[in-house]
Amino acid sequence: MAYKDGEDFTTYCDKEYDRHTYKLVLKSGEAVIFDDYENLRAHWFHWKPNCDHIEILDVTSGKGF
């Protein structure tokens, strides 16, 4: 089920996002990698005017199904 979480985020699952890394891409083309979803969200809100998009990267540490 999808729902609004604030103004800009839609959440599709209430489970923790711990099996991915995240790339925050800025409008300048620079990118910052995060391994913690909440840390990514904090930086997105802080740098919001400079953010372009977020990419979800698969973790290849052997976790998963």
N, C-alpha and C. Protein backbone atom coordinates (compact mmCIF):
# COMPACT_ATOMS: atom_id res chain seq x y z
N MET A 1 0.84 -1.17 0.00
CA MET A 1 0.00 0.00 0.00
C MET A 1 0.89 1.24 0.00
N ALA A 2 0.53 2.21 -0.80
CA ALA A 2 1.29 3.46 -0.89
C ALA A 2 0.58 4.54 -0.07
N TYR A 3 1.36 5.42 0.53
CA TYR A 3 0.78 6.55 1.24
C TYR A 3 1.77 7.69 1.26
N LYS A 4 1.28 8.88 1.47
CA LYS A 4 2.13 10.05 1.53
C LYS A 4 2.81 10.11 2.88
N ASP A 5 4.10 10.40 2.85
CA ASP A 5 4.90 10.57 4.05
C ASP A 5 5.55 11.94 3.94
N GLY A 6 4.89 12.98 4.43
CA GLY A 6 5.36 14.33 4.20
C GLY A 6 4.91 14.80 2.83
N GLU A 7 5.62 15.75 2.26
CA GLU A 7 5.23 16.29 0.97
C GLU A 7 5.86 15.56 -0.21
N ASP A 8 7.04 14.96 -0.02
CA ASP A 8 7.79 14.48 -1.17
C ASP A 8 8.04 12.99 -1.23
N PHE A 9 7.78 12.26 -0.19
CA PHE A 9 8.09 10.84 -0.15
C PHE A 9 6.82 10.01 -0.12
N THR A 10 6.78 8.99 -0.93
CA THR A 10 5.72 8.01 -0.89
C THR A 10 6.34 6.69 -0.46
N THR A 11 5.77 6.06 0.54
CA THR A 11 6.30 4.82 1.07
C THR A 11 5.44 3.66 0.59
N TYR A 12 6.07 2.62 0.09
CA TYR A 12 5.34 1.46 -0.40
C TYR A 12 5.44 0.28 0.55
N CYS A 13 6.31 0.34 1.54
CA CYS A 13 6.50 -0.77 2.46
C CYS A 13 6.96 -0.21 3.79
N ASP A 14 6.41 -0.72 4.88
CA ASP A 14 6.79 -0.24 6.20
C ASP A 14 8.02 -0.93 6.76
N LYS A 15 8.55 -1.93 6.05
CA LYS A 15 9.75 -2.61 6.52
C LYS A 15 10.97 -1.71 6.37
N GLU A 16 12.01 -1.97 7.17
CA GLU A 16 13.23 -1.18 7.09
C GLU A 16 13.89 -1.36 5.72
N TYR A 17 14.50 -0.28 5.25
CA TYR A 17 15.22 -0.29 3.98
C TYR A 17 16.69 -0.57 4.27
N ASP A 18 17.02 -1.81 4.59
CA ASP A 18 18.39 -2.12 4.99
C ASP A 18 19.12 -3.00 4.00
N ARG A 19 18.51 -3.30 2.88
CA ARG A 19 19.16 -4.18 1.92
C ARG A 19 19.60 -3.45 0.66
N HIS A 20 19.69 -2.15 0.74
CA HIS A 20 20.10 -1.35 -0.40
C HIS A 20 21.08 -0.30 0.05
N THR A 21 21.80 0.22 -0.92
CA THR A 21 22.51 1.47 -0.73
C THR A 21 21.83 2.47 -1.65
N TYR A 22 22.04 3.74 -1.38
CA TYR A 22 21.33 4.79 -2.08
C TYR A 22 22.32 5.81 -2.60
N LYS A 23 22.08 6.28 -3.82
CA LYS A 23 22.91 7.32 -4.42
C LYS A 23 22.05 8.56 -4.57
N LEU A 24 22.44 9.62 -3.86
CA LEU A 24 21.78 10.91 -3.98
C LEU A 24 22.54 11.70 -5.03
N VAL A 25 21.88 11.98 -6.15
CA VAL A 25 22.51 12.69 -7.25
C VAL A 25 22.09 14.16 -7.20
N LEU A 26 23.08 15.03 -7.16
CA LEU A 26 22.82 16.47 -7.10
C LEU A 26 22.71 17.05 -8.50
N LYS A 27 22.11 18.22 -8.63
CA LYS A 27 21.96 18.87 -9.94
C LYS A 27 23.29 19.18 -10.58
N SER A 28 24.35 19.30 -9.79
CA SER A 28 25.69 19.57 -10.31
C SER A 28 26.32 18.33 -10.94
N GLY A 29 25.68 17.16 -10.76
CA GLY A 29 26.22 15.91 -11.27
C GLY A 29 26.99 15.13 -10.23
N GLU A 30 27.31 15.76 -9.11
CA GLU A 30 27.99 15.05 -8.02
C GLU A 30 27.01 14.06 -7.40
N ALA A 31 27.54 13.03 -6.77
CA ALA A 31 26.70 12.03 -6.13
C ALA A 31 27.29 11.65 -4.77
N VAL A 32 26.39 11.33 -3.84
CA VAL A 32 26.78 10.89 -2.50
C VAL A 32 26.09 9.56 -2.26
N ILE A 33 26.85 8.57 -1.75
CA ILE A 33 26.32 7.24 -1.49
C ILE A 33 25.98 7.11 0.00
N PHE A 34 24.81 6.54 0.29
CA PHE A 34 24.36 6.32 1.66
C PHE A 34 23.99 4.85 1.82
N ASP A 35 24.27 4.30 3.01
CA ASP A 35 23.85 2.93 3.29
C ASP A 35 22.71 2.90 4.31
N ASP A 36 22.25 4.07 4.70
CA ASP A 36 21.17 4.17 5.67
C ASP A 36 20.07 5.06 5.11
N TYR A 37 18.86 4.54 5.01
CA TYR A 37 17.75 5.26 4.40
C TYR A 37 17.40 6.55 5.16
N GLU A 38 17.38 6.50 6.47
CA GLU A 38 17.03 7.68 7.26
C GLU A 38 18.08 8.78 7.09
N ASN A 39 19.35 8.41 7.00
CA ASN A 39 20.41 9.38 6.76
C ASN A 39 20.22 10.02 5.37
N LEU A 40 19.88 9.21 4.39
CA LEU A 40 19.59 9.72 3.05
C LEU A 40 18.45 10.74 3.09
N ARG A 41 17.37 10.40 3.77
CA ARG A 41 16.22 11.32 3.86
C ARG A 41 16.61 12.64 4.50
N ALA A 42 17.40 12.58 5.57
CA ALA A 42 17.83 13.80 6.25
C ALA A 42 18.63 14.69 5.30
N HIS A 43 19.54 14.09 4.54
CA HIS A 43 20.33 14.87 3.59
C HIS A 43 19.48 15.40 2.44
N TRP A 44 18.50 14.61 1.97
CA TRP A 44 17.61 15.08 0.91
C TRP A 44 16.88 16.35 1.36
N PHE A 45 16.33 16.35 2.56
CA PHE A 45 15.61 17.52 3.03
C PHE A 45 16.54 18.71 3.24
N HIS A 46 17.77 18.45 3.68
CA HIS A 46 18.73 19.53 3.92
C HIS A 46 19.20 20.14 2.59
N TRP A 47 19.47 19.31 1.59
CA TRP A 47 20.01 19.76 0.30
C TRP A 47 18.94 19.84 -0.78
N LYS A 48 17.68 19.80 -0.42
CA LYS A 48 16.57 19.67 -1.36
C LYS A 48 16.68 20.57 -2.61
N PRO A 49 17.04 21.84 -2.49
CA PRO A 49 17.11 22.68 -3.69
C PRO A 49 18.19 22.22 -4.69
N ASN A 50 19.18 21.48 -4.20
CA ASN A 50 20.29 21.04 -5.05
C ASN A 50 20.15 19.59 -5.51
N CYS A 51 19.12 18.89 -5.07
CA CYS A 51 18.96 17.46 -5.39
C CYS A 51 18.27 17.27 -6.73
N ASP A 52 18.75 16.27 -7.46
CA ASP A 52 18.12 15.92 -8.73
C ASP A 52 17.27 14.66 -8.58
N HIS A 53 17.91 13.57 -8.10
CA HIS A 53 17.17 12.32 -7.93
C HIS A 53 17.94 11.37 -7.02
N ILE A 54 17.28 10.27 -6.67
CA ILE A 54 17.88 9.23 -5.84
C ILE A 54 17.86 7.93 -6.62
N GLU A 55 18.98 7.21 -6.61
CA GLU A 55 19.05 5.89 -7.22
C GLU A 55 19.18 4.86 -6.12
N ILE A 56 18.46 3.75 -6.24
CA ILE A 56 18.55 2.66 -5.28
C ILE A 56 19.49 1.62 -5.87
N LEU A 57 20.55 1.32 -5.13
CA LEU A 57 21.57 0.39 -5.60
C LEU A 57 21.44 -0.91 -4.81
N ASP A 58 21.51 -2.03 -5.47
CA ASP A 58 21.44 -3.31 -4.79
C ASP A 58 22.73 -3.58 -4.03
N VAL A 59 22.59 -4.13 -2.85
CA VAL A 59 23.73 -4.56 -2.07
C VAL A 59 24.10 -5.96 -2.51
N THR A 60 25.36 -6.22 -2.73
CA THR A 60 25.78 -7.54 -3.19
C THR A 60 26.54 -8.30 -2.11
N SER A 61 26.11 -8.11 -0.85
CA SER A 61 26.81 -8.74 0.26
C SER A 61 26.32 -10.16 0.55
N GLY A 62 25.39 -10.65 -0.24
CA GLY A 62 24.88 -11.99 0.00
C GLY A 62 23.58 -12.02 0.79
N LYS A 63 23.12 -10.87 1.28
CA LYS A 63 21.83 -10.83 1.97
C LYS A 63 20.73 -11.02 0.94
N GLY A 64 19.61 -11.41 1.39
CA GLY A 64 18.46 -11.48 0.50
C GLY A 64 17.93 -12.87 0.33
N PHE A 65 17.20 -13.06 -0.71
CA PHE A 65 16.50 -14.32 -0.93
C PHE A 65 17.30 -15.23 -1.81
